[in-house]
Protein backbone atom coordinates (compact mmCIF):
# COMPACT_ATOMS: atom_id res chain seq x y z
CA MET A 1 132.88 112.30 116.47
CA ASP A 2 133.81 108.71 117.15
CA LEU A 3 136.84 106.57 117.89
CA VAL A 4 137.23 103.27 116.03
CA GLY A 5 139.59 100.56 117.17
CA PRO A 6 141.83 99.04 118.18
CA SER A 7 142.64 97.53 114.83
CA GLN A 8 143.97 93.98 114.84
CA THR A 9 146.80 95.12 112.57
CA GLU A 10 149.02 98.12 113.20
CA SER A 11 149.28 100.55 110.31
CA MET A 12 152.56 101.43 108.63
CA GLY A 13 152.93 104.25 111.16
CA SER A 14 152.19 101.95 114.14
CA LYS A 15 148.65 103.34 114.55
CA LYS A 16 145.77 101.23 115.90
CA TYR A 17 142.90 103.70 116.30
CA LEU A 18 140.90 105.91 113.95
CA LEU A 19 139.32 109.20 115.06
CA VAL A 20 136.47 110.26 112.76
CA LEU A 21 134.91 113.73 112.81
CA VAL A 22 131.93 114.50 110.55
CA ASP A 23 130.38 117.91 109.87
CA ASP A 24 126.66 117.34 110.41
CA PHE A 25 125.58 119.83 107.71
CA SER A 26 127.91 119.08 104.81
CA ARG A 27 128.94 115.54 105.86
CA PHE A 28 132.56 116.54 105.18
CA THR A 29 134.78 114.13 107.10
CA TRP A 30 138.16 114.40 108.78
CA VAL A 31 140.14 111.40 110.01
CA ASN A 32 143.13 111.06 112.29
CA PHE A 33 145.04 107.91 113.18
CA LEU A 34 146.21 107.31 116.75
CA ARG A 35 148.68 104.98 118.42
CA HIS A 36 146.86 104.93 121.74
CA LYS A 37 143.33 105.61 122.93
CA TYR A 38 144.58 108.28 125.33
CA ASP A 39 145.83 110.37 122.36
CA THR A 40 142.21 111.19 121.49
CA PHE A 41 142.07 114.60 123.16
CA SER A 42 145.31 115.93 121.67
CA SER A 43 144.25 114.64 118.26
CA PHE A 44 140.85 116.32 118.64
CA LYS A 45 142.50 119.65 119.51
CA GLY A 46 144.74 119.35 116.46
CA LEU A 47 141.77 118.54 114.23
CA CYS A 48 139.84 121.53 115.61
CA ASN A 49 142.73 123.86 114.86
CA ARG A 50 143.08 122.40 111.36
CA ILE A 51 139.35 122.72 110.66
CA LEU A 52 139.15 126.29 111.91
CA THR A 53 142.22 127.24 109.85
CA GLU A 54 140.79 125.61 106.69
CA LYS A 55 137.38 127.24 107.14
CA GLN A 56 138.65 130.62 108.39
CA SER A 57 137.35 132.64 105.43
CA SER A 58 133.79 131.27 105.70
CA ASN A 59 133.18 132.22 109.38
CA PHE A 60 132.95 128.53 110.23
CA CYS A 61 132.87 127.55 113.88
CA ILE A 62 132.32 124.35 115.78
CA VAL A 63 129.09 124.73 117.73
CA ARG A 64 128.19 121.21 118.81
CA LEU A 65 130.15 118.03 119.39
CA ARG A 66 128.24 114.76 119.56
CA THR A 67 130.00 111.68 120.96
CA ASP A 68 129.24 108.49 122.82
CA HIS A 69 130.00 108.00 126.52
CA GLY A 70 133.51 106.65 125.96
CA THR A 71 136.00 107.56 128.68
CA MET A 72 138.21 109.20 126.08
CA PHE A 73 135.42 111.76 125.42
CA LYS A 74 133.91 112.07 128.89
CA ASN A 75 136.71 113.68 130.88
CA ALA A 76 137.80 117.03 132.28
CA SER A 77 140.09 117.86 129.34
CA PHE A 78 137.25 117.63 126.82
CA ALA A 79 134.86 119.49 129.14
CA ASN A 80 137.31 122.36 129.70
CA TYR A 81 138.20 122.66 126.00
CA CYS A 82 134.54 122.72 124.98
CA ASP A 83 133.72 125.33 127.64
CA GLU A 84 136.64 127.55 126.58
CA HIS A 85 135.64 127.43 122.90
CA GLY A 86 131.86 127.64 123.32
CA ILE A 87 131.25 124.11 122.05
CA THR A 88 128.20 122.23 123.33
CA HIS A 89 129.30 118.66 124.04
CA GLU A 90 126.37 116.26 123.63
CA PHE A 91 126.53 112.61 124.63
CA SER A 92 124.38 109.91 123.09
CA ALA A 93 122.46 107.65 125.44
CA PRO A 94 124.44 104.62 126.63
CA ILE A 95 124.34 101.61 124.30
CA THR A 96 122.52 103.67 121.63
CA PRO A 97 124.81 104.22 118.62
CA GLN A 98 121.72 105.26 116.59
CA GLN A 99 121.84 108.67 118.28
CA ASN A 100 125.24 109.28 116.74
CA ASP A 101 124.17 107.76 113.43
CA VAL A 102 125.91 110.21 111.08
CA VAL A 103 129.39 109.32 112.27
CA GLU A 104 128.53 105.64 112.84
CA ARG A 105 127.40 105.36 109.21
CA LYS A 106 130.52 107.19 108.04
CA ASN A 107 132.66 104.75 110.03
CA ARG A 108 131.00 101.87 108.21
CA ILE A 109 131.53 103.51 104.81
CA LEU A 110 135.19 104.27 105.51
CA LEU A 111 135.96 100.79 106.86
CA ASP A 112 134.10 98.94 104.09
CA MET A 113 135.56 101.02 101.27
CA GLY A 114 139.02 100.84 102.84
CA ARG A 115 138.75 97.06 103.04
CA VAL A 116 137.67 96.88 99.38
CA LEU A 117 140.56 99.13 98.38
CA LEU A 118 143.06 96.91 100.21
CA HIS A 119 141.61 93.75 98.67
CA SER A 120 141.40 95.11 95.11
CA THR A 121 144.96 96.44 95.13
CA GLY A 122 146.45 93.40 96.83
CA LEU A 123 148.08 95.47 99.57
CA THR A 124 148.82 93.92 102.95
CA PRO A 125 146.51 94.74 105.89
CA ASN A 126 149.07 97.07 107.50
CA PHE A 127 148.14 99.65 104.82
CA TRP A 128 144.67 100.02 106.38
CA ALA A 129 145.28 103.62 107.50
CA GLU A 130 146.38 104.69 104.03
CA ALA A 131 143.34 102.96 102.50
CA ILE A 132 140.96 104.73 104.90
CA SER A 133 142.68 108.06 104.36
CA THR A 134 142.29 107.62 100.59
CA THR A 135 138.67 106.62 101.04
CA CYS A 136 137.97 109.71 103.16
CA TYR A 137 139.63 111.98 100.59
CA THR A 138 137.62 110.39 97.79
CA THR A 139 134.23 110.41 99.52
CA ASN A 140 134.62 114.08 100.45
CA ARG A 141 135.08 114.93 96.78
CA VAL A 142 132.77 112.45 95.03
CA PHE A 143 129.64 111.77 97.10
CA LEU A 144 126.85 114.28 96.71
CA ARG A 145 125.03 115.81 99.64
CA PRO A 146 121.43 114.48 99.51
CA GLY A 147 119.04 116.93 97.87
CA THR A 148 121.79 119.00 96.26
CA ASP A 149 124.20 118.84 93.37
CA LYS A 150 127.17 119.64 95.62
CA THR A 151 129.85 117.35 96.99
CA HIS A 152 130.59 117.28 100.72
CA MET A 153 133.64 119.44 100.05
CA ASN A 154 131.70 122.16 98.19
CA CYS A 155 128.62 122.14 100.39
CA GLY A 156 129.93 124.71 102.85
CA LYS A 157 131.52 126.96 100.24
CA VAL A 158 129.96 130.10 98.83
CA ARG A 159 131.20 129.35 95.31
CA ASN A 160 132.88 126.47 93.52
CA PRO A 161 136.65 126.56 92.96
CA ARG A 162 137.81 127.52 89.46
């Protein structure tokens, strides 16, 4: 999980930050947009509830959370939540984004593709959140998981939808 921002331009909904959560196995990605950095924990809790609800039938659970040493991740609220839900919270070494490379690479993909989408459609920069949301939706359904013929969305499923 990683927090990107602040953006130079506020989105249509007055958001300046992007919270990115990537499933390490399937590479399925969830994004949330935040007004303030201190909204990170409440957004994370909401994302966890959403993920567990979506994946309820497949016995999916969050086992490990990997973040950097940002103050928005390294606090008592995160520690308590992770302890209560049996989540191991791992921190990457300081000034070493390579240790959190999965989400760092996904950030780059989302931002680059979002920028291309804005440029190609001629939309103003304040549509950046919509562009990134569209990019996330598309990459979850189009990109294939390396070594398989499954998309990120279908990687964790027992069978394909009909």
